[in-house]
């Protein structure tokens, strides 16, 4: 069986109280690829993510999303 290789791409995100991602920064610790096409794809996907609103939360919350790309 052929071996499928995978790459992880960690994106730091900043989320506002409404649950909108207002900033996405790929290539954080844990990232295993330098492929710029994958970095841009992960950044765009992160910016489209939506989280639950939390009116009493901090104005901006910071976290990460990890995307795993599997070579086909």
PDB file of N, CA and C in Angstrom:
ATOM      1  N   UNK A   1       0.833  -1.187   0.000  1.00  0.00           N
ATOM      2  CA  UNK A   1       0.000   0.000   0.000  1.00  0.00           C
ATOM      3  C   UNK A   1       0.875   1.247   0.000  1.00  0.00           C
ATOM      4  N   UNK A   2       0.521   2.235  -0.804  1.00  0.00           N
ATOM      5  CA  UNK A   2       1.301   3.473  -0.787  1.00  0.00           C
ATOM      6  C   UNK A   2       1.099   4.214   0.533  1.00  0.00           C
ATOM      7  N   UNK A   3       2.128   4.867   0.984  1.00  0.00           N
ATOM      8  CA  UNK A   3       2.057   5.649   2.206  1.00  0.00           C
ATOM      9  C   UNK A   3       1.568   7.047   1.879  1.00  0.00           C
ATOM     10  N   UNK A   4       0.561   7.499   2.607  1.00  0.00           N
ATOM     11  CA  UNK A   4       0.073   8.864   2.433  1.00  0.00           C
ATOM     12  C   UNK A   4       0.784   9.748   3.428  1.00  0.00           C
ATOM     13  N   UNK A   5       1.329  10.835   2.941  1.00  0.00           N
ATOM     14  CA  UNK A   5       2.007  11.774   3.821  1.00  0.00           C
ATOM     15  C   UNK A   5       1.040  12.877   4.212  1.00  0.00           C
ATOM     16  N   UNK A   6       1.198  13.338   5.426  1.00  0.00           N
ATOM     17  CA  UNK A   6       0.345  14.426   5.875  1.00  0.00           C
ATOM     18  C   UNK A   6       1.208  15.559   6.409  1.00  0.00           C
ATOM     19  N   UNK A   7       0.643  16.746   6.390  1.00  0.00           N
ATOM     20  CA  UNK A   7       1.287  17.941   6.919  1.00  0.00           C
ATOM     21  C   UNK A   7       0.293  18.658   7.809  1.00  0.00           C
ATOM     22  N   UNK A   8       0.769  19.100   8.962  1.00  0.00           N
ATOM     23  CA  UNK A   8      -0.066  19.891   9.861  1.00  0.00           C
ATOM     24  C   UNK A   8       0.266  21.363   9.684  1.00  0.00           C
ATOM     25  N   UNK A   9      -0.758  22.174   9.744  1.00  0.00           N
ATOM     26  CA  UNK A   9      -0.567  23.609   9.643  1.00  0.00           C
ATOM     27  C   UNK A   9      -1.365  24.269  10.760  1.00  0.00           C
ATOM     28  N   UNK A  10      -0.654  24.909  11.675  1.00  0.00           N
ATOM     29  CA  UNK A  10      -1.281  25.541  12.830  1.00  0.00           C
ATOM     30  C   UNK A  10      -1.491  27.022  12.530  1.00  0.00           C
ATOM     31  N   UNK A  11      -2.728  27.468  12.700  1.00  0.00           N
ATOM     32  CA  UNK A  11      -3.100  28.852  12.428  1.00  0.00           C
ATOM     33  C   UNK A  11      -3.536  29.497  13.743  1.00  0.00           C
ATOM     34  N   UNK A  12      -2.857  30.571  14.126  1.00  0.00           N
ATOM     35  CA  UNK A  12      -3.317  31.343  15.279  1.00  0.00           C
ATOM     36  C   UNK A  12      -4.485  32.204  14.828  1.00  0.00           C
ATOM     37  N   UNK A  13      -5.561  32.181  15.607  1.00  0.00           N
ATOM     38  CA  UNK A  13      -6.727  32.979  15.263  1.00  0.00           C
ATOM     39  C   UNK A  13      -7.056  33.958  16.381  1.00  0.00           C
ATOM     40  N   UNK A  14      -7.678  35.046  15.990  1.00  0.00           N
ATOM     41  CA  UNK A  14      -8.215  36.030  16.922  1.00  0.00           C
ATOM     42  C   UNK A  14      -9.703  36.129  16.635  1.00  0.00           C
ATOM     43  N   UNK A  15     -10.490  35.968  17.701  1.00  0.00           N
ATOM     44  CA  UNK A  15     -11.948  35.881  17.574  1.00  0.00           C
ATOM     45  C   UNK A  15     -12.592  36.973  18.413  1.00  0.00           C
ATOM     46  N   UNK A  16     -13.570  37.671  17.835  1.00  0.00           N
ATOM     47  CA  UNK A  16     -14.273  38.707  18.601  1.00  0.00           C
ATOM     48  C   UNK A  16     -15.435  38.100  19.383  1.00  0.00           C
ATOM     49  N   UNK A  17     -16.095  38.904  20.171  1.00  0.00           N
ATOM     50  CA  UNK A  17     -17.197  38.429  21.025  1.00  0.00           C
ATOM     51  C   UNK A  17     -18.354  37.830  20.233  1.00  0.00           C
ATOM     52  N   UNK A  18     -18.502  38.258  18.993  1.00  0.00           N
ATOM     53  CA  UNK A  18     -19.591  37.748  18.153  1.00  0.00           C
ATOM     54  C   UNK A  18     -19.265  36.390  17.540  1.00  0.00           C
ATOM     55  N   UNK A  19     -18.053  35.907  17.744  1.00  0.00           N
ATOM     56  CA  UNK A  19     -17.651  34.616  17.203  1.00  0.00           C
ATOM     57  C   UNK A  19     -17.021  34.693  15.832  1.00  0.00           C
ATOM     58  N   UNK A  20     -16.712  35.892  15.369  1.00  0.00           N
ATOM     59  CA  UNK A  20     -16.089  36.084  14.059  1.00  0.00           C
ATOM     60  C   UNK A  20     -14.572  36.021  14.182  1.00  0.00           C
ATOM     61  N   UNK A  21     -13.943  35.316  13.265  1.00  0.00           N
ATOM     62  CA  UNK A  21     -12.484  35.306  13.211  1.00  0.00           C
ATOM     63  C   UNK A  21     -12.057  36.595  12.528  1.00  0.00           C
ATOM     64  N   UNK A  22     -11.304  37.416  13.236  1.00  0.00           N
ATOM     65  CA  UNK A  22     -10.901  38.719  12.707  1.00  0.00           C
ATOM     66  C   UNK A  22      -9.421  38.760  12.347  1.00  0.00           C
ATOM     67  N   UNK A  23      -8.705  37.678  12.617  1.00  0.00           N
ATOM     68  CA  UNK A  23      -7.300  37.592  12.242  1.00  0.00           C
ATOM     69  C   UNK A  23      -6.881  36.132  12.183  1.00  0.00           C
ATOM     70  N   UNK A  24      -6.058  35.772  11.209  1.00  0.00           N
ATOM     71  CA  UNK A  24      -5.586  34.394  11.052  1.00  0.00           C
ATOM     72  C   UNK A  24      -4.133  34.431  10.591  1.00  0.00           C
ATOM     73  N   UNK A  25      -3.272  33.733  11.340  1.00  0.00           N
ATOM     74  CA  UNK A  25      -1.835  33.801  11.111  1.00  0.00           C
ATOM     75  C   UNK A  25      -1.248  32.391  11.054  1.00  0.00           C
ATOM     76  N   UNK A  26      -1.078  31.841   9.848  1.00  0.00           N
ATOM     77  CA  UNK A  26      -0.582  30.475   9.707  1.00  0.00           C
ATOM     78  C   UNK A  26       0.913  30.359  10.001  1.00  0.00           C
ATOM     79  N   UNK A  27       1.320  29.122  10.308  1.00  0.00           N
ATOM     80  CA  UNK A  27       2.741  28.830  10.481  1.00  0.00           C
ATOM     81  C   UNK A  27       3.206  28.863  11.921  1.00  0.00           C
ATOM     82  N   UNK A  28       2.303  28.748  12.862  1.00  0.00           N
ATOM     83  CA  UNK A  28       2.662  28.790  14.273  1.00  0.00           C
ATOM     84  C   UNK A  28       3.281  27.453  14.703  1.00  0.00           C
ATOM     85  N   UNK A  29       3.757  27.404  15.944  1.00  0.00           N
ATOM     86  CA  UNK A  29       4.429  26.214  16.475  1.00  0.00           C
ATOM     87  C   UNK A  29       3.590  24.964  16.246  1.00  0.00           C
ATOM     88  N   UNK A  30       4.219  23.920  15.745  1.00  0.00           N
ATOM     89  CA  UNK A  30       3.535  22.673  15.427  1.00  0.00           C
ATOM     90  C   UNK A  30       3.313  22.479  13.943  1.00  0.00           C
ATOM     91  N   UNK A  31       3.513  23.537  13.166  1.00  0.00           N
ATOM     92  CA  UNK A  31       3.366  23.457  11.713  1.00  0.00           C
ATOM     93  C   UNK A  31       4.491  22.605  11.139  1.00  0.00           C
ATOM     94  N   UNK A  32       4.133  21.712  10.198  1.00  0.00           N
ATOM     95  CA  UNK A  32       5.132  20.814   9.611  1.00  0.00           C
ATOM     96  C   UNK A  32       5.299  21.008   8.110  1.00  0.00           C
ATOM     97  N   UNK A  33       4.845  22.139   7.582  1.00  0.00           N
ATOM     98  CA  UNK A  33       5.014  22.429   6.159  1.00  0.00           C
ATOM     99  C   UNK A  33       5.331  23.907   5.958  1.00  0.00           C
ATOM    100  N   UNK A  34       6.101  24.166   4.932  1.00  0.00           N
ATOM    101  CA  UNK A  34       6.393  25.554   4.560  1.00  0.00           C
ATOM    102  C   UNK A  34       5.711  25.922   3.238  1.00  0.00           C
ATOM    103  N   UNK A  35       4.877  25.023   2.725  1.00  0.00           N
ATOM    104  CA  UNK A  35       4.212  25.236   1.443  1.00  0.00           C
ATOM    105  C   UNK A  35       3.302  26.458   1.525  1.00  0.00           C
ATOM    106  N   UNK A  36       3.623  27.481   0.747  1.00  0.00           N
ATOM    107  CA  UNK A  36       2.880  28.747   0.791  1.00  0.00           C
ATOM    108  C   UNK A  36       1.433  28.596   0.323  1.00  0.00           C
ATOM    109  N   UNK A  37       1.176  27.677  -0.596  1.00  0.00           N
ATOM    110  CA  UNK A  37      -0.193  27.445  -1.066  1.00  0.00           C
ATOM    111  C   UNK A  37      -1.042  26.898   0.086  1.00  0.00           C
ATOM    112  N   UNK A  38      -0.483  25.961   0.845  1.00  0.00           N
ATOM    113  CA  UNK A  38      -1.212  25.407   1.994  1.00  0.00           C
ATOM    114  C   UNK A  38      -1.394  26.461   3.083  1.00  0.00           C
ATOM    115  N   UNK A  39      -0.386  27.301   3.302  1.00  0.00           N
ATOM    116  CA  UNK A  39      -0.499  28.373   4.288  1.00  0.00           C
ATOM    117  C   UNK A  39      -1.663  29.305   3.933  1.00  0.00           C
ATOM    118  N   UNK A  40      -1.770  29.668   2.671  1.00  0.00           N
ATOM    119  CA  UNK A  40      -2.840  30.571   2.250  1.00  0.00           C
ATOM    120  C   UNK A  40      -4.206  29.887   2.333  1.00  0.00           C
ATOM    121  N   UNK A  41      -4.274  28.607   1.972  1.00  0.00           N
ATOM    122  CA  UNK A  41      -5.534  27.867   2.065  1.00  0.00           C
ATOM    123  C   UNK A  41      -6.002  27.781   3.518  1.00  0.00           C
ATOM    124  N   UNK A  42      -5.081  27.531   4.432  1.00  0.00           N
ATOM    125  CA  UNK A  42      -5.430  27.442   5.852  1.00  0.00           C
ATOM    126  C   UNK A  42      -5.850  28.809   6.393  1.00  0.00           C
ATOM    127  N   UNK A  43      -5.165  29.858   5.974  1.00  0.00           N
ATOM    128  CA  UNK A  43      -5.517  31.211   6.428  1.00  0.00           C
ATOM    129  C   UNK A  43      -6.945  31.558   5.991  1.00  0.00           C
ATOM    130  N   UNK A  44      -7.260  31.290   4.725  1.00  0.00           N
ATOM    131  CA  UNK A  44      -8.593  31.588   4.207  1.00  0.00           C
ATOM    132  C   UNK A  44      -9.662  30.762   4.917  1.00  0.00           C
ATOM    133  N   UNK A  45      -9.387  29.491   5.148  1.00  0.00           N
ATOM    134  CA  UNK A  45     -10.361  28.639   5.835  1.00  0.00           C
ATOM    135  C   UNK A  45     -10.590  29.127   7.259  1.00  0.00           C
ATOM    136  N   UNK A  46      -9.527  29.526   7.936  1.00  0.00           N
ATOM    137  CA  UNK A  46      -9.663  30.019   9.315  1.00  0.00           C
ATOM    138  C   UNK A  46     -10.512  31.284   9.355  1.00  0.00           C
ATOM    139  N   UNK A  47     -10.327  32.168   8.399  1.00  0.00           N
ATOM    140  CA  UNK A  47     -11.095  33.406   8.377  1.00  0.00           C
ATOM    141  C   UNK A  47     -12.581  33.156   8.140  1.00  0.00           C
ATOM    142  N   UNK A  48     -12.931  32.019   7.573  1.00  0.00           N
ATOM    143  CA  UNK A  48     -14.336  31.675   7.328  1.00  0.00           C
ATOM    144  C   UNK A  48     -14.962  30.937   8.501  1.00  0.00           C
ATOM    145  N   UNK A  49     -14.161  30.544   9.487  1.00  0.00           N
ATOM    146  CA  UNK A  49     -14.693  29.822  10.645  1.00  0.00           C
ATOM    147  C   UNK A  49     -15.595  30.749  11.456  1.00  0.00           C
ATOM    148  N   UNK A  50     -16.564  30.163  12.129  1.00  0.00           N
ATOM    149  CA  UNK A  50     -17.496  30.925  12.963  1.00  0.00           C
ATOM    150  C   UNK A  50     -17.641  30.196  14.286  1.00  0.00           C
ATOM    151  N   UNK A  51     -17.597  30.939  15.374  1.00  0.00           N
ATOM    152  CA  UNK A  51     -17.709  30.381  16.711  1.00  0.00           C
ATOM    153  C   UNK A  51     -18.944  30.956  17.394  1.00  0.00           C
ATOM    154  N   UNK A  52     -19.330  30.358  18.497  1.00  0.00           N
ATOM    155  CA  UNK A  52     -20.476  30.857  19.259  1.00  0.00           C
ATOM    156  C   UNK A  52     -20.176  32.248  19.791  1.00  0.00           C
ATOM    157  N   UNK A  53     -21.193  33.083  19.829  1.00  0.00           N
ATOM    158  CA  UNK A  53     -21.008  34.411  20.403  1.00  0.00           C
ATOM    159  C   UNK A  53     -20.931  34.278  21.926  1.00  0.00           C
ATOM    160  N   UNK A  54     -20.194  35.188  22.532  1.00  0.00           N
ATOM    161  CA  UNK A  54     -20.030  35.202  23.987  1.00  0.00           C
ATOM    162  C   UNK A  54     -19.924  36.657  24.427  1.00  0.00           C
ATOM    163  N   UNK A  55     -21.068  37.320  24.638  1.00  0.00           N
ATOM    164  CA  UNK A  55     -21.073  38.753  24.950  1.00  0.00           C
ATOM    165  C   UNK A  55     -20.251  39.139  26.177  1.00  0.00           C
ATOM    166  N   UNK A  56     -20.070  38.219  27.118  1.00  0.00           N
ATOM    167  CA  UNK A  56     -19.311  38.528  28.333  1.00  0.00           C
ATOM    168  C   UNK A  56     -17.849  38.118  28.251  1.00  0.00           C
ATOM    169  N   UNK A  57     -17.425  37.599  27.125  1.00  0.00           N
ATOM    170  CA  UNK A  57     -16.031  37.171  26.956  1.00  0.00           C
ATOM    171  C   UNK A  57     -15.124  38.383  26.772  1.00  0.00           C
ATOM    172  N   UNK A  58     -13.829  38.116  26.804  1.00  0.00           N
ATOM    173  CA  UNK A  58     -12.863  39.167  26.500  1.00  0.00           C
ATOM    174  C   UNK A  58     -13.166  39.711  25.105  1.00  0.00           C
ATOM    175  N   UNK A  59     -12.805  40.966  24.882  1.00  0.00           N
ATOM    176  CA  UNK A  59     -13.096  41.596  23.589  1.00  0.00           C
ATOM    177  C   UNK A  59     -12.511  40.791  22.431  1.00  0.00           C
ATOM    178  N   UNK A  60     -11.284  40.331  22.597  1.00  0.00           N
ATOM    179  CA  UNK A  60     -10.606  39.494  21.597  1.00  0.00           C
ATOM    180  C   UNK A  60     -10.077  38.252  22.301  1.00  0.00           C
ATOM    181  N   UNK A  61     -10.340  37.094  21.716  1.00  0.00           N
ATOM    182  CA  UNK A  61      -9.791  35.847  22.239  1.00  0.00           C
ATOM    183  C   UNK A  61      -8.831  35.279  21.207  1.00  0.00           C
ATOM    184  N   UNK A  62      -7.764  34.660  21.701  1.00  0.00           N
ATOM    185  CA  UNK A  62      -6.730  34.113  20.829  1.00  0.00           C
ATOM    186  C   UNK A  62      -6.663  32.602  21.030  1.00  0.00           C
ATOM    187  N   UNK A  63      -6.597  31.881  19.916  1.00  0.00           N
ATOM    188  CA  UNK A  63      -6.491  30.428  19.969  1.00  0.00           C
ATOM    189  C   UNK A  63      -5.852  29.921  18.696  1.00  0.00           C
ATOM    190  N   UNK A  64      -5.927  28.625  18.472  1.00  0.00           N
ATOM    191  CA  UNK A  64      -5.362  28.044  17.257  1.00  0.00           C
ATOM    192  C   UNK A  64      -6.328  27.045  16.649  1.00  0.00           C
ATOM    193  N   UNK A  65      -6.181  26.864  15.349  1.00  0.00           N
ATOM    194  CA  UNK A  65      -6.846  25.796  14.599  1.00  0.00           C
ATOM    195  C   UNK A  65      -5.726  25.039  13.903  1.00  0.00           C
ATOM    196  N   UNK A  66      -5.762  23.717  13.967  1.00  0.00           N
ATOM    197  CA  UNK A  66      -4.775  22.904  13.255  1.00  0.00           C
ATOM    198  C   UNK A  66      -5.454  22.216  12.088  1.00  0.00           C
ATOM    199  N   UNK A  67      -4.937  22.447  10.897  1.00  0.00           N
ATOM    200  CA  UNK A  67      -5.418  21.785   9.682  1.00  0.00           C
ATOM    201  C   UNK A  67      -4.416  20.704   9.311  1.00  0.00           C
ATOM    202  N   UNK A  68      -4.926  19.532   8.963  1.00  0.00           N
ATOM    203  CA  UNK A  68      -4.073  18.440   8.514  1.00  0.00           C
ATOM    204  C   UNK A  68      -4.341  18.210   7.032  1.00  0.00           C
ATOM    205  N   UNK A  69      -3.305  18.379   6.235  1.00  0.00           N
ATOM    206  CA  UNK A  69      -3.399  18.156   4.792  1.00  0.00           C
ATOM    207  C   UNK A  69      -2.805  16.790   4.489  1.00  0.00           C
ATOM    208  N   UNK A  70      -3.551  15.953   3.754  1.00  0.00           N
ATOM    209  CA  UNK A  70      -3.094  14.613   3.410  1.00  0.00           C
ATOM    210  C   UNK A  70      -2.845  14.569   1.915  1.00  0.00           C
ATOM    211  N   UNK A  71      -1.632  14.184   1.559  1.00  0.00           N
ATOM    212  CA  UNK A  71      -1.270  14.090   0.143  1.00  0.00           C
ATOM    213  C   UNK A  71      -2.016  12.923  -0.484  1.00  0.00           C
ATOM    214  N   UNK A  72      -2.688  13.194  -1.585  1.00  0.00           N
ATOM    215  CA  UNK A  72      -3.461  12.166  -2.281  1.00  0.00           C
ATOM    216  C   UNK A  72      -2.659  11.541  -3.389  1.00  0.00           C
TER     217      UNK A  72
END
